[in-house]
């Protein structure tokens, strides 16, 4: 709920070897932006988040207000924490679902682990009263990349355990699906699979917020 006077620079990596993608992007929407009658959740992620946020909003309609921030930025990007601070400062939040992973498949692993842990610490310090759940990254059509995603998720699960946080597992149910039916390319999913992801997210959010 309340936002503390916390400096994002204290949590961001001082320097990283991250090489930016040729095109970097951020998309953010806040639905019912001026309303305060319902609890508000902020969904954070990448293009996977951008795909499921619309269906999550439909499933939560009338019970929870939704904001989302989807970005190509890895947590090791020099701008990531600055933008994260902006998103967390925009309006009161009762819950955040946090994911960062698929744009980090080639990031130095030690740097990513440290920056991810820093982002979780920053989220908790900035929003001490808000619920926080770590969203596990989805599998990919390519087995080798899926193995990397699974390894990144191991870090998220470990940190969740250390911090007493819940995780939202999008990896396991998606990994059971047939790649030729439910993937549209290496990374992205059909509308049917996106709907499954949204139902998992919405169910967890409703349960956590008691709605």
C-alpha atoms as a PDB file:
ATOM      1  CA  UNK A   1       0.000   0.000   0.000  1.00  0.00           C
ATOM      2  CA  UNK A   2       2.156   2.887   1.271  1.00  0.00           C
ATOM      3  CA  UNK A   3       5.349   3.751  -0.547  1.00  0.00           C
ATOM      4  CA  UNK A   4       8.496   4.373   1.483  1.00  0.00           C
ATOM      5  CA  UNK A   5      11.186   6.886   0.609  1.00  0.00           C
ATOM      6  CA  UNK A   6      13.481   4.271  -0.840  1.00  0.00           C
ATOM      7  CA  UNK A   7      16.219   5.055  -3.344  1.00  0.00           C
ATOM      8  CA  UNK A   8      16.262   2.567  -6.229  1.00  0.00           C
ATOM      9  CA  UNK A   9      19.977   3.250  -6.753  1.00  0.00           C
ATOM     10  CA  UNK A  10      20.703   1.451  -3.495  1.00  0.00           C
ATOM     11  CA  UNK A  11      19.330  -1.782  -4.997  1.00  0.00           C
ATOM     12  CA  UNK A  12      20.365  -1.555  -8.659  1.00  0.00           C
ATOM     13  CA  UNK A  13      23.611  -3.127  -9.894  1.00  0.00           C
ATOM     14  CA  UNK A  14      26.477  -0.630  -9.941  1.00  0.00           C
ATOM     15  CA  UNK A  15      27.590  -1.986 -13.323  1.00  0.00           C
ATOM     16  CA  UNK A  16      26.866  -4.964 -15.545  1.00  0.00           C
ATOM     17  CA  UNK A  17      28.070  -6.457 -18.808  1.00  0.00           C
ATOM     18  CA  UNK A  18      24.521  -6.477 -20.217  1.00  0.00           C
ATOM     19  CA  UNK A  19      24.338  -5.714 -23.952  1.00  0.00           C
ATOM     20  CA  UNK A  20      21.039  -4.138 -24.873  1.00  0.00           C
ATOM     21  CA  UNK A  21      18.812  -5.577 -27.569  1.00  0.00           C
ATOM     22  CA  UNK A  22      18.541  -3.795 -30.908  1.00  0.00           C
ATOM     23  CA  UNK A  23      15.052  -2.650 -29.962  1.00  0.00           C
ATOM     24  CA  UNK A  24      14.141  -2.093 -26.315  1.00  0.00           C
ATOM     25  CA  UNK A  25      10.536  -1.428 -25.338  1.00  0.00           C
ATOM     26  CA  UNK A  26       8.234  -0.797 -22.396  1.00  0.00           C
ATOM     27  CA  UNK A  27       4.423  -0.910 -22.340  1.00  0.00           C
ATOM     28  CA  UNK A  28       2.350   0.171 -19.365  1.00  0.00           C
ATOM     29  CA  UNK A  29      -1.383   0.581 -18.835  1.00  0.00           C
ATOM     30  CA  UNK A  30      -3.321   1.352 -15.684  1.00  0.00           C
ATOM     31  CA  UNK A  31      -7.006   0.487 -15.984  1.00  0.00           C
ATOM     32  CA  UNK A  32      -9.517   2.382 -13.823  1.00  0.00           C
ATOM     33  CA  UNK A  33      -6.580   4.632 -13.094  1.00  0.00           C
ATOM     34  CA  UNK A  34      -8.441   7.067 -10.841  1.00  0.00           C
ATOM     35  CA  UNK A  35     -10.528   4.474  -8.989  1.00  0.00           C
ATOM     36  CA  UNK A  36      -9.723   3.610  -5.376  1.00  0.00           C
ATOM     37  CA  UNK A  37     -12.725   1.438  -4.488  1.00  0.00           C
ATOM     38  CA  UNK A  38     -10.988  -1.874  -5.287  1.00  0.00           C
ATOM     39  CA  UNK A  39      -7.551  -3.289  -4.468  1.00  0.00           C
ATOM     40  CA  UNK A  40      -5.013  -2.811  -7.267  1.00  0.00           C
ATOM     41  CA  UNK A  41      -2.526  -5.320  -8.622  1.00  0.00           C
ATOM     42  CA  UNK A  42       0.486  -4.451 -10.766  1.00  0.00           C
ATOM     43  CA  UNK A  43       1.572  -7.166 -13.218  1.00  0.00           C
ATOM     44  CA  UNK A  44       5.274  -6.939 -14.139  1.00  0.00           C
ATOM     45  CA  UNK A  45       6.856  -8.982 -16.896  1.00  0.00           C
ATOM     46  CA  UNK A  46       7.667  -9.032 -20.597  1.00  0.00           C
ATOM     47  CA  UNK A  47       5.729  -9.901 -23.766  1.00  0.00           C
ATOM     48  CA  UNK A  48       4.241 -12.922 -21.995  1.00  0.00           C
ATOM     49  CA  UNK A  49       2.770 -10.504 -19.438  1.00  0.00           C
ATOM     50  CA  UNK A  50       1.618  -8.189 -22.209  1.00  0.00           C
ATOM     51  CA  UNK A  51      -0.256 -11.122 -23.742  1.00  0.00           C
ATOM     52  CA  UNK A  52      -2.066 -12.296 -20.595  1.00  0.00           C
ATOM     53  CA  UNK A  53      -2.790  -8.943 -18.951  1.00  0.00           C
ATOM     54  CA  UNK A  54      -5.983  -8.326 -20.951  1.00  0.00           C
ATOM     55  CA  UNK A  55      -7.509 -11.655 -20.004  1.00  0.00           C
ATOM     56  CA  UNK A  56      -6.388 -11.247 -16.381  1.00  0.00           C
ATOM     57  CA  UNK A  57      -8.171  -7.898 -16.306  1.00  0.00           C
ATOM     58  CA  UNK A  58     -11.362  -9.510 -17.616  1.00  0.00           C
ATOM     59  CA  UNK A  59     -11.203 -12.265 -15.004  1.00  0.00           C
ATOM     60  CA  UNK A  60     -10.663  -9.741 -12.189  1.00  0.00           C
ATOM     61  CA  UNK A  61     -13.275  -7.261 -13.398  1.00  0.00           C
ATOM     62  CA  UNK A  62     -15.327  -5.818 -10.547  1.00  0.00           C
ATOM     63  CA  UNK A  63     -13.058  -7.307  -7.882  1.00  0.00           C
ATOM     64  CA  UNK A  64      -9.505  -6.074  -8.486  1.00  0.00           C
ATOM     65  CA  UNK A  65      -8.154  -3.159 -10.543  1.00  0.00           C
ATOM     66  CA  UNK A  66      -5.228  -3.944 -12.824  1.00  0.00           C
ATOM     67  CA  UNK A  67      -2.100  -2.107 -13.895  1.00  0.00           C
ATOM     68  CA  UNK A  68       0.719  -3.701 -15.864  1.00  0.00           C
ATOM     69  CA  UNK A  69       4.245  -2.976 -16.979  1.00  0.00           C
ATOM     70  CA  UNK A  70       5.713  -5.171 -19.696  1.00  0.00           C
ATOM     71  CA  UNK A  71       9.267  -4.524 -20.844  1.00  0.00           C
ATOM     72  CA  UNK A  72      12.112  -6.055 -22.808  1.00  0.00           C
ATOM     73  CA  UNK A  73      14.558  -4.892 -20.156  1.00  0.00           C
ATOM     74  CA  UNK A  74      16.541  -7.415 -18.143  1.00  0.00           C
ATOM     75  CA  UNK A  75      16.936  -6.592 -14.449  1.00  0.00           C
ATOM     76  CA  UNK A  76      20.609  -5.936 -15.241  1.00  0.00           C
ATOM     77  CA  UNK A  77      19.757  -3.140 -17.698  1.00  0.00           C
ATOM     78  CA  UNK A  78      20.965   0.263 -16.437  1.00  0.00           C
ATOM     79  CA  UNK A  79      17.429   1.690 -16.769  1.00  0.00           C
ATOM     80  CA  UNK A  80      15.481  -1.183 -15.226  1.00  0.00           C
ATOM     81  CA  UNK A  81      15.365  -0.074 -11.605  1.00  0.00           C
ATOM     82  CA  UNK A  82      14.652   3.537 -12.555  1.00  0.00           C
ATOM     83  CA  UNK A  83      11.628   2.445 -14.578  1.00  0.00           C
ATOM     84  CA  UNK A  84      10.561  -0.009 -11.874  1.00  0.00           C
ATOM     85  CA  UNK A  85      10.607   2.819  -9.343  1.00  0.00           C
ATOM     86  CA  UNK A  86       8.384   4.877 -11.645  1.00  0.00           C
ATOM     87  CA  UNK A  87       5.865   2.042 -11.936  1.00  0.00           C
ATOM     88  CA  UNK A  88       5.755   1.453  -8.183  1.00  0.00           C
ATOM     89  CA  UNK A  89       5.343   5.164  -7.467  1.00  0.00           C
ATOM     90  CA  UNK A  90       2.478   5.823  -9.873  1.00  0.00           C
ATOM     91  CA  UNK A  91      -0.460   4.863  -7.613  1.00  0.00           C
ATOM     92  CA  UNK A  92      -1.334   2.819  -4.500  1.00  0.00           C
ATOM     93  CA  UNK A  93      -0.792  -0.923  -4.943  1.00  0.00           C
ATOM     94  CA  UNK A  94      -2.080  -3.843  -2.916  1.00  0.00           C
ATOM     95  CA  UNK A  95      -0.230  -6.564  -4.809  1.00  0.00           C
ATOM     96  CA  UNK A  96       2.575  -6.997  -7.356  1.00  0.00           C
ATOM     97  CA  UNK A  97       3.257 -10.055  -9.501  1.00  0.00           C
ATOM     98  CA  UNK A  98       6.891  -9.921 -10.608  1.00  0.00           C
ATOM     99  CA  UNK A  99       8.615 -11.697 -13.484  1.00  0.00           C
ATOM    100  CA  UNK A 100      11.915 -11.151 -15.273  1.00  0.00           C
ATOM    101  CA  UNK A 101      13.612 -13.876 -17.247  1.00  0.00           C
ATOM    102  CA  UNK A 102      13.011 -14.489 -20.939  1.00  0.00           C
ATOM    103  CA  UNK A 103      14.991 -11.407 -21.983  1.00  0.00           C
ATOM    104  CA  UNK A 104      17.781 -12.622 -19.710  1.00  0.00           C
ATOM    105  CA  UNK A 105      18.546 -15.959 -21.365  1.00  0.00           C
ATOM    106  CA  UNK A 106      21.991 -14.761 -22.463  1.00  0.00           C
ATOM    107  CA  UNK A 107      22.706 -12.463 -19.497  1.00  0.00           C
ATOM    108  CA  UNK A 108      25.679 -13.253 -17.267  1.00  0.00           C
ATOM    109  CA  UNK A 109      24.102 -15.538 -14.694  1.00  0.00           C
ATOM    110  CA  UNK A 110      25.866 -14.158 -11.644  1.00  0.00           C
ATOM    111  CA  UNK A 111      24.894 -10.630 -12.599  1.00  0.00           C
ATOM    112  CA  UNK A 112      21.285 -11.652 -13.195  1.00  0.00           C
ATOM    113  CA  UNK A 113      20.997 -13.528  -9.899  1.00  0.00           C
ATOM    114  CA  UNK A 114      22.273 -10.502  -7.998  1.00  0.00           C
ATOM    115  CA  UNK A 115      20.087  -8.010  -9.879  1.00  0.00           C
ATOM    116  CA  UNK A 116      16.976 -10.196  -9.527  1.00  0.00           C
ATOM    117  CA  UNK A 117      17.547 -10.471  -5.776  1.00  0.00           C
ATOM    118  CA  UNK A 118      18.057  -6.708  -5.669  1.00  0.00           C
ATOM    119  CA  UNK A 119      14.777  -6.127  -7.504  1.00  0.00           C
ATOM    120  CA  UNK A 120      12.889  -8.326  -5.031  1.00  0.00           C
ATOM    121  CA  UNK A 121      14.476  -6.462  -2.113  1.00  0.00           C
ATOM    122  CA  UNK A 122      13.584  -3.135  -3.697  1.00  0.00           C
ATOM    123  CA  UNK A 123       9.967  -4.203  -4.235  1.00  0.00           C
ATOM    124  CA  UNK A 124       9.656  -5.231  -0.605  1.00  0.00           C
ATOM    125  CA  UNK A 125      11.292  -2.046   0.685  1.00  0.00           C
ATOM    126  CA  UNK A 126       9.287   0.242  -1.581  1.00  0.00           C
ATOM    127  CA  UNK A 127       5.916  -1.441  -0.887  1.00  0.00           C
ATOM    128  CA  UNK A 128       6.220  -3.035   2.551  1.00  0.00           C
ATOM    129  CA  UNK A 129       2.461  -3.567   2.948  1.00  0.00           C
ATOM    130  CA  UNK A 130       1.757  -4.899  -0.548  1.00  0.00           C
ATOM    131  CA  UNK A 131       1.569  -8.599  -1.356  1.00  0.00           C
ATOM    132  CA  UNK A 132       4.345  -9.810  -3.651  1.00  0.00           C
ATOM    133  CA  UNK A 133       4.371 -12.983  -5.738  1.00  0.00           C
ATOM    134  CA  UNK A 134       7.219 -14.083  -8.011  1.00  0.00           C
ATOM    135  CA  UNK A 135       6.006 -15.366 -11.388  1.00  0.00           C
ATOM    136  CA  UNK A 136       8.097 -18.156 -12.871  1.00  0.00           C
ATOM    137  CA  UNK A 137       9.142 -17.724 -16.491  1.00  0.00           C
ATOM    138  CA  UNK A 138       7.457 -19.849 -19.124  1.00  0.00           C
ATOM    139  CA  UNK A 139       9.141 -22.657 -21.099  1.00  0.00           C
ATOM    140  CA  UNK A 140      10.055 -22.175 -24.738  1.00  0.00           C
ATOM    141  CA  UNK A 141       9.684 -24.181 -27.908  1.00  0.00           C
ATOM    142  CA  UNK A 142      13.440 -24.808 -27.941  1.00  0.00           C
ATOM    143  CA  UNK A 143      14.595 -27.407 -25.352  1.00  0.00           C
ATOM    144  CA  UNK A 144      17.943 -25.712 -24.703  1.00  0.00           C
ATOM    145  CA  UNK A 145      16.307 -22.351 -24.011  1.00  0.00           C
ATOM    146  CA  UNK A 146      13.685 -24.064 -21.860  1.00  0.00           C
ATOM    147  CA  UNK A 147      16.507 -25.458 -19.720  1.00  0.00           C
ATOM    148  CA  UNK A 148      17.847 -21.937 -19.189  1.00  0.00           C
ATOM    149  CA  UNK A 149      14.382 -20.671 -18.248  1.00  0.00           C
ATOM    150  CA  UNK A 150      14.063 -23.515 -15.743  1.00  0.00           C
ATOM    151  CA  UNK A 151      17.438 -22.600 -14.262  1.00  0.00           C
ATOM    152  CA  UNK A 152      16.426 -18.948 -13.866  1.00  0.00           C
ATOM    153  CA  UNK A 153      13.258 -20.133 -12.150  1.00  0.00           C
ATOM    154  CA  UNK A 154      15.370 -22.041  -9.656  1.00  0.00           C
ATOM    155  CA  UNK A 155      16.816 -18.717  -8.519  1.00  0.00           C
ATOM    156  CA  UNK A 156      13.329 -17.215  -8.232  1.00  0.00           C
ATOM    157  CA  UNK A 157      12.103 -20.168  -6.164  1.00  0.00           C
ATOM    158  CA  UNK A 158      15.156 -20.010  -3.918  1.00  0.00           C
ATOM    159  CA  UNK A 159      14.689 -16.299  -3.269  1.00  0.00           C
ATOM    160  CA  UNK A 160      10.975 -16.787  -2.664  1.00  0.00           C
ATOM    161  CA  UNK A 161      11.811 -19.388  -0.046  1.00  0.00           C
ATOM    162  CA  UNK A 162      14.386 -17.157   1.619  1.00  0.00           C
ATOM    163  CA  UNK A 163      12.038 -14.172   1.660  1.00  0.00           C
ATOM    164  CA  UNK A 164       8.854 -16.040   2.568  1.00  0.00           C
ATOM    165  CA  UNK A 165       7.181 -15.127  -0.730  1.00  0.00           C
ATOM    166  CA  UNK A 166       4.746 -17.042  -2.893  1.00  0.00           C
ATOM    167  CA  UNK A 167       5.490 -18.093  -6.458  1.00  0.00           C
ATOM    168  CA  UNK A 168       3.086 -18.333  -9.378  1.00  0.00           C
ATOM    169  CA  UNK A 169       4.160 -21.264 -11.516  1.00  0.00           C
ATOM    170  CA  UNK A 170       3.530 -20.699 -15.217  1.00  0.00           C
ATOM    171  CA  UNK A 171       6.392 -23.010 -16.195  1.00  0.00           C
ATOM    172  CA  UNK A 172       5.084 -26.419 -15.128  1.00  0.00           C
ATOM    173  CA  UNK A 173       1.595 -26.299 -16.681  1.00  0.00           C
ATOM    174  CA  UNK A 174       2.902 -24.800 -19.927  1.00  0.00           C
ATOM    175  CA  UNK A 175       5.767 -27.291 -20.143  1.00  0.00           C
ATOM    176  CA  UNK A 176       3.227 -30.127 -20.271  1.00  0.00           C
ATOM    177  CA  UNK A 177       1.623 -28.710 -23.426  1.00  0.00           C
ATOM    178  CA  UNK A 178       2.380 -29.793 -26.985  1.00  0.00           C
ATOM    179  CA  UNK A 179       4.815 -27.341 -28.585  1.00  0.00           C
ATOM    180  CA  UNK A 180       3.304 -27.640 -32.050  1.00  0.00           C
ATOM    181  CA  UNK A 181      -0.180 -26.780 -30.804  1.00  0.00           C
ATOM    182  CA  UNK A 182       0.264 -24.127 -28.120  1.00  0.00           C
ATOM    183  CA  UNK A 183       3.305 -22.082 -29.278  1.00  0.00           C
ATOM    184  CA  UNK A 184       3.174 -19.512 -32.094  1.00  0.00           C
ATOM    185  CA  UNK A 185       6.967 -19.124 -32.223  1.00  0.00           C
ATOM    186  CA  UNK A 186       9.953 -19.888 -30.001  1.00  0.00           C
ATOM    187  CA  UNK A 187       8.699 -17.716 -27.144  1.00  0.00           C
ATOM    188  CA  UNK A 188       5.009 -16.954 -27.501  1.00  0.00           C
ATOM    189  CA  UNK A 189       1.742 -18.804 -27.066  1.00  0.00           C
ATOM    190  CA  UNK A 190      -1.627 -19.265 -28.724  1.00  0.00           C
ATOM    191  CA  UNK A 191      -4.676 -17.519 -27.299  1.00  0.00           C
ATOM    192  CA  UNK A 192      -5.740 -20.760 -25.644  1.00  0.00           C
ATOM    193  CA  UNK A 193      -2.472 -21.104 -23.734  1.00  0.00           C
ATOM    194  CA  UNK A 194      -2.474 -17.407 -22.836  1.00  0.00           C
ATOM    195  CA  UNK A 195      -5.948 -17.927 -21.381  1.00  0.00           C
ATOM    196  CA  UNK A 196      -4.595 -20.743 -19.207  1.00  0.00           C
ATOM    197  CA  UNK A 197      -1.852 -18.461 -17.921  1.00  0.00           C
ATOM    198  CA  UNK A 198      -4.354 -15.704 -17.168  1.00  0.00           C
ATOM    199  CA  UNK A 199      -6.560 -18.071 -15.189  1.00  0.00           C
ATOM    200  CA  UNK A 200      -3.583 -19.130 -13.065  1.00  0.00           C
ATOM    201  CA  UNK A 201      -2.638 -15.505 -12.401  1.00  0.00           C
ATOM    202  CA  UNK A 202      -6.187 -14.358 -11.689  1.00  0.00           C
ATOM    203  CA  UNK A 203      -6.880 -17.270  -9.367  1.00  0.00           C
ATOM    204  CA  UNK A 204      -3.749 -16.574  -7.364  1.00  0.00           C
ATOM    205  CA  UNK A 205      -4.460 -12.837  -7.165  1.00  0.00           C
ATOM    206  CA  UNK A 206      -8.041 -13.354  -6.001  1.00  0.00           C
ATOM    207  CA  UNK A 207      -6.937 -15.853  -3.378  1.00  0.00           C
ATOM    208  CA  UNK A 208      -4.160 -13.622  -2.080  1.00  0.00           C
ATOM    209  CA  UNK A 209      -6.359 -10.525  -1.878  1.00  0.00           C
ATOM    210  CA  UNK A 210      -9.307 -12.416  -0.458  1.00  0.00           C
ATOM    211  CA  UNK A 211     -11.641 -11.422  -3.274  1.00  0.00           C
END
